[in-house]
């Protein structure tokens, strides 16, 4: 029986890995530049949105406290009216008492209701003072919120303009970044992301420039430069850990930011 030969799986060469890595670095750096243009605007917008939400909560709480104070004033006014009615009733009853004990009892009730009126009047004054204070705070809070909303509107418009200008290009680059990642083995990709994440300028892959590392500018020994040019293995900088690429590979890599079909 004839057997069908299975074609051996071709392994990606180091040179192809380096080319894919450098392409990925170029694409990621282009994405970084777009995001740098936006600067701190997204964070500023988020901070302002959070502040406005906080101000709205505070204003709602102040308005609720004002309603409660108004309700308390109405309740105390009702108590005063009821106490006055009772006083009038007890005074009328004093004209028809049969003995001093009944008279004294009614007098005490009248005194008690007068105390209730005084206490209610005191509480009304306190609530009115509370309302005045809360109204001042509410006025200031609404003023601040209007300023924050105006700031937020301007910041959002500014951010929307920048996003509108760069969104199409960024989406295209993100798509290219994903494609480039698929060409790189997981272990090497993870190493690139780790190095890139720890580098201030986001460079995980750099070329040799004037016999030095293109990332930290440390001198590279001649033998190590030969190893890099031979493209037989992945070489990293002994000082900063960045992956080093032959400049000839870098010059052959071109990042096109036009949107793909």
C-alpha atoms as a PDB file:
ATOM      1  CA  UNK A   1       0.000   0.000   0.000  1.00  0.00           C
ATOM      2  CA  UNK A   2       1.373   3.372  -1.008  1.00  0.00           C
ATOM      3  CA  UNK A   3       1.941   5.841   1.795  1.00  0.00           C
ATOM      4  CA  UNK A   4       1.405   9.559   1.468  1.00  0.00           C
ATOM      5  CA  UNK A   5       4.328  11.628   2.672  1.00  0.00           C
ATOM      6  CA  UNK A   6       3.443  14.496   5.000  1.00  0.00           C
ATOM      7  CA  UNK A   7       5.294  17.703   4.253  1.00  0.00           C
ATOM      8  CA  UNK A   8       7.369  18.798   7.271  1.00  0.00           C
ATOM      9  CA  UNK A   9       6.161  21.928   9.016  1.00  0.00           C
ATOM     10  CA  UNK A  10       8.501  24.772   8.210  1.00  0.00           C
ATOM     11  CA  UNK A  11       9.813  26.621  11.229  1.00  0.00           C
ATOM     12  CA  UNK A  12       9.960  30.412  11.155  1.00  0.00           C
ATOM     13  CA  UNK A  13      13.554  31.573  10.805  1.00  0.00           C
ATOM     14  CA  UNK A  14      15.154  33.932  13.310  1.00  0.00           C
ATOM     15  CA  UNK A  15      15.341  36.561  10.579  1.00  0.00           C
ATOM     16  CA  UNK A  16      11.595  36.301   9.966  1.00  0.00           C
ATOM     17  CA  UNK A  17      10.964  36.536  13.714  1.00  0.00           C
ATOM     18  CA  UNK A  18      13.123  39.644  13.927  1.00  0.00           C
ATOM     19  CA  UNK A  19      11.335  41.188  10.975  1.00  0.00           C
ATOM     20  CA  UNK A  20       7.923  40.475  12.545  1.00  0.00           C
ATOM     21  CA  UNK A  21       9.098  41.790  15.922  1.00  0.00           C
ATOM     22  CA  UNK A  22      10.416  45.017  14.457  1.00  0.00           C
ATOM     23  CA  UNK A  23       7.196  45.461  12.462  1.00  0.00           C
ATOM     24  CA  UNK A  24       5.198  44.941  15.658  1.00  0.00           C
ATOM     25  CA  UNK A  25       7.358  47.494  17.464  1.00  0.00           C
ATOM     26  CA  UNK A  26       6.863  50.058  14.697  1.00  0.00           C
ATOM     27  CA  UNK A  27       3.107  49.532  14.705  1.00  0.00           C
ATOM     28  CA  UNK A  28       2.883  49.731  18.511  1.00  0.00           C
ATOM     29  CA  UNK A  29       5.040  52.880  18.519  1.00  0.00           C
ATOM     30  CA  UNK A  30       2.693  54.468  15.973  1.00  0.00           C
ATOM     31  CA  UNK A  31      -0.258  53.642  18.238  1.00  0.00           C
ATOM     32  CA  UNK A  32       1.658  55.171  21.171  1.00  0.00           C
ATOM     33  CA  UNK A  33       2.166  58.407  19.219  1.00  0.00           C
ATOM     34  CA  UNK A  34      -1.565  58.670  18.516  1.00  0.00           C
ATOM     35  CA  UNK A  35      -2.354  58.196  22.185  1.00  0.00           C
ATOM     36  CA  UNK A  36       0.298  60.719  23.203  1.00  0.00           C
ATOM     37  CA  UNK A  37      -1.477  63.275  21.009  1.00  0.00           C
ATOM     38  CA  UNK A  38      -4.582  62.709  23.118  1.00  0.00           C
ATOM     39  CA  UNK A  39      -2.395  63.221  26.156  1.00  0.00           C
ATOM     40  CA  UNK A  40      -4.196  63.392  29.478  1.00  0.00           C
ATOM     41  CA  UNK A  41      -7.521  64.349  27.898  1.00  0.00           C
ATOM     42  CA  UNK A  42      -9.247  60.973  28.426  1.00  0.00           C
ATOM     43  CA  UNK A  43      -8.241  61.016  32.106  1.00  0.00           C
ATOM     44  CA  UNK A  44      -9.278  64.666  32.469  1.00  0.00           C
ATOM     45  CA  UNK A  45     -12.663  63.874  30.921  1.00  0.00           C
ATOM     46  CA  UNK A  46     -13.110  60.893  33.259  1.00  0.00           C
ATOM     47  CA  UNK A  47     -12.123  62.985  36.295  1.00  0.00           C
ATOM     48  CA  UNK A  48     -14.577  65.730  35.328  1.00  0.00           C
ATOM     49  CA  UNK A  49     -17.360  63.191  34.747  1.00  0.00           C
ATOM     50  CA  UNK A  50     -16.702  61.710  38.198  1.00  0.00           C
ATOM     51  CA  UNK A  51     -16.664  65.190  39.755  1.00  0.00           C
ATOM     52  CA  UNK A  52     -19.943  66.168  38.067  1.00  0.00           C
ATOM     53  CA  UNK A  53     -21.535  62.919  39.267  1.00  0.00           C
ATOM     54  CA  UNK A  54     -20.306  63.675  42.782  1.00  0.00           C
ATOM     55  CA  UNK A  55     -21.663  67.230  42.598  1.00  0.00           C
ATOM     56  CA  UNK A  56     -25.045  65.961  41.382  1.00  0.00           C
ATOM     57  CA  UNK A  57     -25.196  63.565  44.337  1.00  0.00           C
ATOM     58  CA  UNK A  58     -24.291  66.366  46.752  1.00  0.00           C
ATOM     59  CA  UNK A  59     -26.875  68.742  45.259  1.00  0.00           C
ATOM     60  CA  UNK A  60     -29.561  66.057  45.447  1.00  0.00           C
ATOM     61  CA  UNK A  61     -28.670  65.488  49.118  1.00  0.00           C
ATOM     62  CA  UNK A  62     -28.803  69.227  49.892  1.00  0.00           C
ATOM     63  CA  UNK A  63     -32.184  69.543  48.174  1.00  0.00           C
ATOM     64  CA  UNK A  64     -33.484  66.560  50.147  1.00  0.00           C
ATOM     65  CA  UNK A  65     -32.252  68.124  53.401  1.00  0.00           C
ATOM     66  CA  UNK A  66     -33.994  71.388  52.482  1.00  0.00           C
ATOM     67  CA  UNK A  67     -37.263  69.530  51.852  1.00  0.00           C
ATOM     68  CA  UNK A  68     -36.935  67.796  55.215  1.00  0.00           C
ATOM     69  CA  UNK A  69     -36.327  71.126  56.957  1.00  0.00           C
ATOM     70  CA  UNK A  70     -39.386  72.673  55.245  1.00  0.00           C
ATOM     71  CA  UNK A  71     -41.460  69.661  56.296  1.00  0.00           C
ATOM     72  CA  UNK A  72     -40.243  70.054  59.895  1.00  0.00           C
ATOM     73  CA  UNK A  73     -41.171  73.772  59.880  1.00  0.00           C
ATOM     74  CA  UNK A  74     -44.679  72.926  58.647  1.00  0.00           C
ATOM     75  CA  UNK A  75     -45.004  70.287  61.363  1.00  0.00           C
ATOM     76  CA  UNK A  76     -43.888  72.738  64.047  1.00  0.00           C
ATOM     77  CA  UNK A  77     -46.300  75.403  62.780  1.00  0.00           C
ATOM     78  CA  UNK A  78     -49.088  72.827  62.965  1.00  0.00           C
ATOM     79  CA  UNK A  79     -48.010  72.014  66.535  1.00  0.00           C
ATOM     80  CA  UNK A  80     -48.161  75.719  67.430  1.00  0.00           C
ATOM     81  CA  UNK A  81     -51.654  76.039  65.967  1.00  0.00           C
ATOM     82  CA  UNK A  82     -52.812  72.970  67.891  1.00  0.00           C
ATOM     83  CA  UNK A  83     -51.218  74.249  71.113  1.00  0.00           C
ATOM     84  CA  UNK A  84     -52.893  77.660  70.702  1.00  0.00           C
ATOM     85  CA  UNK A  85     -56.237  75.943  70.179  1.00  0.00           C
ATOM     86  CA  UNK A  86     -55.720  73.902  73.338  1.00  0.00           C
ATOM     87  CA  UNK A  87     -54.758  77.009  75.319  1.00  0.00           C
ATOM     88  CA  UNK A  88     -57.946  78.724  74.164  1.00  0.00           C
ATOM     89  CA  UNK A  89     -59.936  75.631  75.111  1.00  0.00           C
ATOM     90  CA  UNK A  90     -58.321  75.356  78.564  1.00  0.00           C
ATOM     91  CA  UNK A  91     -58.829  79.092  79.225  1.00  0.00           C
ATOM     92  CA  UNK A  92     -62.511  78.644  78.420  1.00  0.00           C
ATOM     93  CA  UNK A  93     -62.720  75.680  80.748  1.00  0.00           C
ATOM     94  CA  UNK A  94     -61.164  77.713  83.571  1.00  0.00           C
ATOM     95  CA  UNK A  95     -64.304  79.862  83.623  1.00  0.00           C
ATOM     96  CA  UNK A  96     -66.390  76.827  84.521  1.00  0.00           C
ATOM     97  CA  UNK A  97     -64.247  75.048  87.097  1.00  0.00           C
ATOM     98  CA  UNK A  98     -65.780  73.819  90.318  1.00  0.00           C
ATOM     99  CA  UNK A  99     -62.695  74.045  92.518  1.00  0.00           C
ATOM    100  CA  UNK A 100     -59.114  75.257  92.751  1.00  0.00           C
ATOM    101  CA  UNK A 101     -57.701  71.817  91.926  1.00  0.00           C
ATOM    102  CA  UNK A 102     -59.359  71.818  88.485  1.00  0.00           C
ATOM    103  CA  UNK A 103     -58.245  75.413  87.933  1.00  0.00           C
ATOM    104  CA  UNK A 104     -54.619  74.610  88.824  1.00  0.00           C
ATOM    105  CA  UNK A 105     -54.680  71.540  86.583  1.00  0.00           C
ATOM    106  CA  UNK A 106     -55.864  73.592  83.603  1.00  0.00           C
ATOM    107  CA  UNK A 107     -53.266  76.275  84.397  1.00  0.00           C
ATOM    108  CA  UNK A 108     -50.520  73.645  84.226  1.00  0.00           C
ATOM    109  CA  UNK A 109     -51.868  72.423  80.859  1.00  0.00           C
ATOM    110  CA  UNK A 110     -51.829  75.999  79.553  1.00  0.00           C
ATOM    111  CA  UNK A 111     -48.235  76.457  80.772  1.00  0.00           C
ATOM    112  CA  UNK A 112     -47.235  73.169  79.128  1.00  0.00           C
ATOM    113  CA  UNK A 113     -48.764  74.207  75.802  1.00  0.00           C
ATOM    114  CA  UNK A 114     -47.006  77.585  76.023  1.00  0.00           C
ATOM    115  CA  UNK A 115     -43.716  75.727  76.522  1.00  0.00           C
ATOM    116  CA  UNK A 116     -44.550  73.561  73.496  1.00  0.00           C
ATOM    117  CA  UNK A 117     -45.131  76.738  71.466  1.00  0.00           C
ATOM    118  CA  UNK A 118     -41.799  78.203  72.601  1.00  0.00           C
ATOM    119  CA  UNK A 119     -39.978  74.972  71.776  1.00  0.00           C
ATOM    120  CA  UNK A 120     -41.631  74.791  68.346  1.00  0.00           C
ATOM    121  CA  UNK A 121     -40.748  78.422  67.641  1.00  0.00           C
ATOM    122  CA  UNK A 122     -37.131  77.701  68.641  1.00  0.00           C
ATOM    123  CA  UNK A 123     -37.043  74.678  66.328  1.00  0.00           C
ATOM    124  CA  UNK A 124     -38.527  76.744  63.499  1.00  0.00           C
ATOM    125  CA  UNK A 125     -35.746  79.327  63.921  1.00  0.00           C
ATOM    126  CA  UNK A 126     -33.132  76.555  63.895  1.00  0.00           C
ATOM    127  CA  UNK A 127     -34.610  74.999  60.766  1.00  0.00           C
ATOM    128  CA  UNK A 128     -34.754  78.388  59.028  1.00  0.00           C
ATOM    129  CA  UNK A 129     -31.099  79.024  59.863  1.00  0.00           C
ATOM    130  CA  UNK A 130     -30.339  75.513  58.599  1.00  0.00           C
ATOM    131  CA  UNK A 131     -32.247  76.286  55.388  1.00  0.00           C
ATOM    132  CA  UNK A 132     -30.306  79.534  54.879  1.00  0.00           C
ATOM    133  CA  UNK A 133     -27.000  77.679  55.282  1.00  0.00           C
ATOM    134  CA  UNK A 134     -28.071  74.851  52.985  1.00  0.00           C
ATOM    135  CA  UNK A 135     -29.335  77.318  50.375  1.00  0.00           C
ATOM    136  CA  UNK A 136     -25.927  79.023  50.345  1.00  0.00           C
ATOM    137  CA  UNK A 137     -24.200  75.656  49.979  1.00  0.00           C
ATOM    138  CA  UNK A 138     -26.664  74.650  47.261  1.00  0.00           C
ATOM    139  CA  UNK A 139     -26.086  77.885  45.369  1.00  0.00           C
ATOM    140  CA  UNK A 140     -22.303  77.413  45.517  1.00  0.00           C
ATOM    141  CA  UNK A 141     -22.589  73.731  44.540  1.00  0.00           C
ATOM    142  CA  UNK A 142     -24.748  74.542  41.518  1.00  0.00           C
ATOM    143  CA  UNK A 143     -22.301  77.236  40.451  1.00  0.00           C
ATOM    144  CA  UNK A 144     -19.361  74.837  40.717  1.00  0.00           C
ATOM    145  CA  UNK A 145     -21.272  72.114  38.902  1.00  0.00           C
ATOM    146  CA  UNK A 146     -22.089  74.477  36.034  1.00  0.00           C
ATOM    147  CA  UNK A 147     -18.390  75.360  35.746  1.00  0.00           C
ATOM    148  CA  UNK A 148     -17.417  71.674  35.793  1.00  0.00           C
ATOM    149  CA  UNK A 149     -20.064  70.828  33.195  1.00  0.00           C
ATOM    150  CA  UNK A 150     -18.781  73.622  30.957  1.00  0.00           C
ATOM    151  CA  UNK A 151     -15.222  72.322  31.388  1.00  0.00           C
ATOM    152  CA  UNK A 152     -16.403  68.801  30.661  1.00  0.00           C
ATOM    153  CA  UNK A 153     -18.232  69.927  27.520  1.00  0.00           C
ATOM    154  CA  UNK A 154     -15.106  71.674  26.195  1.00  0.00           C
ATOM    155  CA  UNK A 155     -12.804  68.755  27.080  1.00  0.00           C
ATOM    156  CA  UNK A 156     -15.180  66.239  25.500  1.00  0.00           C
ATOM    157  CA  UNK A 157     -15.421  68.293  22.312  1.00  0.00           C
ATOM    158  CA  UNK A 158     -11.624  68.561  22.185  1.00  0.00           C
ATOM    159  CA  UNK A 159     -11.216  64.819  22.751  1.00  0.00           C
ATOM    160  CA  UNK A 160     -13.905  63.964  20.204  1.00  0.00           C
ATOM    161  CA  UNK A 161     -12.110  66.092  17.591  1.00  0.00           C
ATOM    162  CA  UNK A 162      -8.799  64.322  18.241  1.00  0.00           C
ATOM    163  CA  UNK A 163     -10.420  60.884  18.254  1.00  0.00           C
ATOM    164  CA  UNK A 164     -12.252  61.672  15.006  1.00  0.00           C
ATOM    165  CA  UNK A 165      -8.930  62.578  13.387  1.00  0.00           C
ATOM    166  CA  UNK A 166      -7.033  59.514  14.614  1.00  0.00           C
ATOM    167  CA  UNK A 167      -9.642  56.801  15.228  1.00  0.00           C
ATOM    168  CA  UNK A 168      -9.508  55.284  11.725  1.00  0.00           C
ATOM    169  CA  UNK A 169      -5.703  55.182  11.736  1.00  0.00           C
ATOM    170  CA  UNK A 170      -5.568  53.743  15.256  1.00  0.00           C
ATOM    171  CA  UNK A 171      -8.035  50.952  14.424  1.00  0.00           C
ATOM    172  CA  UNK A 172      -5.992  50.063  11.336  1.00  0.00           C
ATOM    173  CA  UNK A 173      -2.781  49.965  13.381  1.00  0.00           C
ATOM    174  CA  UNK A 174      -4.369  47.848  16.109  1.00  0.00           C
ATOM    175  CA  UNK A 175      -5.462  45.407  13.424  1.00  0.00           C
ATOM    176  CA  UNK A 176      -1.912  45.297  12.022  1.00  0.00           C
ATOM    177  CA  UNK A 177      -0.510  44.834  15.527  1.00  0.00           C
ATOM    178  CA  UNK A 178      -2.734  41.792  16.012  1.00  0.00           C
ATOM    179  CA  UNK A 179      -1.604  40.308  12.684  1.00  0.00           C
ATOM    180  CA  UNK A 180       2.060  40.869  13.507  1.00  0.00           C
ATOM    181  CA  UNK A 181       1.646  39.187  16.902  1.00  0.00           C
ATOM    182  CA  UNK A 182       0.384  36.014  15.204  1.00  0.00           C
ATOM    183  CA  UNK A 183       3.716  35.702  13.390  1.00  0.00           C
ATOM    184  CA  UNK A 184       5.678  35.617  16.663  1.00  0.00           C
ATOM    185  CA  UNK A 185       5.956  32.648  19.001  1.00  0.00           C
ATOM    186  CA  UNK A 186       4.285  33.142  22.371  1.00  0.00           C
ATOM    187  CA  UNK A 187       7.467  33.056  24.473  1.00  0.00           C
ATOM    188  CA  UNK A 188       9.153  35.750  22.364  1.00  0.00           C
ATOM    189  CA  UNK A 189       5.964  37.828  22.212  1.00  0.00           C
ATOM    190  CA  UNK A 190       5.615  37.758  26.011  1.00  0.00           C
ATOM    191  CA  UNK A 191       9.257  38.793  26.382  1.00  0.00           C
ATOM    192  CA  UNK A 192       8.701  41.707  23.968  1.00  0.00           C
ATOM    193  CA  UNK A 193       5.613  42.891  25.843  1.00  0.00           C
ATOM    194  CA  UNK A 194       7.396  42.632  29.189  1.00  0.00           C
ATOM    195  CA  UNK A 195      10.392  44.637  27.953  1.00  0.00           C
ATOM    196  CA  UNK A 196       8.181  47.182  26.217  1.00  0.00           C
ATOM    197  CA  UNK A 197       6.026  47.570  29.321  1.00  0.00           C
ATOM    198  CA  UNK A 198       9.023  48.362  31.515  1.00  0.00           C
ATOM    199  CA  UNK A 199      10.636  50.799  29.039  1.00  0.00           C
ATOM    200  CA  UNK A 200       9.697  54.475  29.466  1.00  0.00           C
ATOM    201  CA  UNK A 201       9.648  55.079  25.711  1.00  0.00           C
ATOM    202  CA  UNK A 202       7.797  51.831  24.973  1.00  0.00           C
ATOM    203  CA  UNK A 203      10.686  50.409  22.911  1.00  0.00           C
ATOM    204  CA  UNK A 204      11.182  46.667  23.314  1.00  0.00           C
ATOM    205  CA  UNK A 205      12.893  46.141  19.958  1.00  0.00           C
ATOM    206  CA  UNK A 206      15.626  48.490  18.718  1.00  0.00           C
ATOM    207  CA  UNK A 207      18.305  48.556  16.052  1.00  0.00           C
ATOM    208  CA  UNK A 208      22.061  48.865  16.436  1.00  0.00           C
ATOM    209  CA  UNK A 209      23.016  52.505  15.908  1.00  0.00           C
ATOM    210  CA  UNK A 210      26.658  53.573  15.697  1.00  0.00           C
ATOM    211  CA  UNK A 211      27.784  50.352  17.394  1.00  0.00           C
ATOM    212  CA  UNK A 212      25.377  51.040  20.270  1.00  0.00           C
ATOM    213  CA  UNK A 213      21.986  49.892  21.503  1.00  0.00           C
ATOM    214  CA  UNK A 214      19.250  52.055  20.001  1.00  0.00           C
ATOM    215  CA  UNK A 215      17.431  52.004  23.330  1.00  0.00           C
ATOM    216  CA  UNK A 216      19.968  52.710  26.082  1.00  0.00           C
ATOM    217  CA  UNK A 217      22.914  53.705  23.792  1.00  0.00           C
ATOM    218  CA  UNK A 218      25.304  51.314  25.535  1.00  0.00           C
ATOM    219  CA  UNK A 219      28.215  50.122  23.352  1.00  0.00           C
ATOM    220  CA  UNK A 220      27.780  46.691  21.769  1.00  0.00           C
ATOM    221  CA  UNK A 221      30.927  44.497  21.448  1.00  0.00           C
ATOM    222  CA  UNK A 222      31.986  43.702  17.824  1.00  0.00           C
ATOM    223  CA  UNK A 223      31.376  39.954  18.236  1.00  0.00           C
ATOM    224  CA  UNK A 224      27.849  40.601  19.474  1.00  0.00           C
ATOM    225  CA  UNK A 225      27.234  42.873  16.477  1.00  0.00           C
ATOM    226  CA  UNK A 226      28.331  40.022  14.207  1.00  0.00           C
ATOM    227  CA  UNK A 227      25.846  37.721  15.954  1.00  0.00           C
ATOM    228  CA  UNK A 228      23.092  40.278  15.360  1.00  0.00           C
ATOM    229  CA  UNK A 229      23.975  40.619  11.683  1.00  0.00           C
ATOM    230  CA  UNK A 230      24.101  36.852  11.238  1.00  0.00           C
ATOM    231  CA  UNK A 231      20.416  36.663  12.252  1.00  0.00           C
ATOM    232  CA  UNK A 232      20.879  33.177  13.678  1.00  0.00           C
ATOM    233  CA  UNK A 233      19.580  33.846  17.193  1.00  0.00           C
ATOM    234  CA  UNK A 234      17.714  36.434  19.218  1.00  0.00           C
ATOM    235  CA  UNK A 235      20.149  38.875  20.830  1.00  0.00           C
ATOM    236  CA  UNK A 236      19.272  41.226  23.661  1.00  0.00           C
ATOM    237  CA  UNK A 237      21.147  44.213  25.029  1.00  0.00           C
ATOM    238  CA  UNK A 238      23.243  43.250  28.045  1.00  0.00           C
ATOM    239  CA  UNK A 239      22.454  46.601  29.717  1.00  0.00           C
ATOM    240  CA  UNK A 240      18.738  47.284  29.132  1.00  0.00           C
ATOM    241  CA  UNK A 241      17.431  43.895  27.970  1.00  0.00           C
ATOM    242  CA  UNK A 242      15.921  45.230  24.736  1.00  0.00           C
ATOM    243  CA  UNK A 243      15.829  42.937  21.707  1.00  0.00           C
ATOM    244  CA  UNK A 244      18.445  44.042  19.146  1.00  0.00           C
ATOM    245  CA  UNK A 245      17.757  43.970  15.414  1.00  0.00           C
ATOM    246  CA  UNK A 246      20.046  44.328  12.415  1.00  0.00           C
ATOM    247  CA  UNK A 247      19.497  47.784  10.826  1.00  0.00           C
ATOM    248  CA  UNK A 248      19.149  46.143   7.380  1.00  0.00           C
ATOM    249  CA  UNK A 249      16.080  44.247   8.637  1.00  0.00           C
ATOM    250  CA  UNK A 250      14.645  47.467  10.064  1.00  0.00           C
ATOM    251  CA  UNK A 251      15.104  49.323   6.777  1.00  0.00           C
ATOM    252  CA  UNK A 252      13.077  46.659   4.943  1.00  0.00           C
ATOM    253  CA  UNK A 253      10.098  46.997   7.286  1.00  0.00           C
ATOM    254  CA  UNK A 254       7.494  49.586   6.340  1.00  0.00           C
ATOM    255  CA  UNK A 255       4.412  50.427   8.387  1.00  0.00           C
ATOM    256  CA  UNK A 256       1.484  51.492   6.249  1.00  0.00           C
ATOM    257  CA  UNK A 257      -1.219  53.110   8.375  1.00  0.00           C
ATOM    258  CA  UNK A 258      -3.857  53.006   5.642  1.00  0.00           C
ATOM    259  CA  UNK A 259      -6.944  51.036   6.577  1.00  0.00           C
ATOM    260  CA  UNK A 260      -6.968  47.503   5.225  1.00  0.00           C
ATOM    261  CA  UNK A 261      -9.919  45.911   3.516  1.00  0.00           C
END
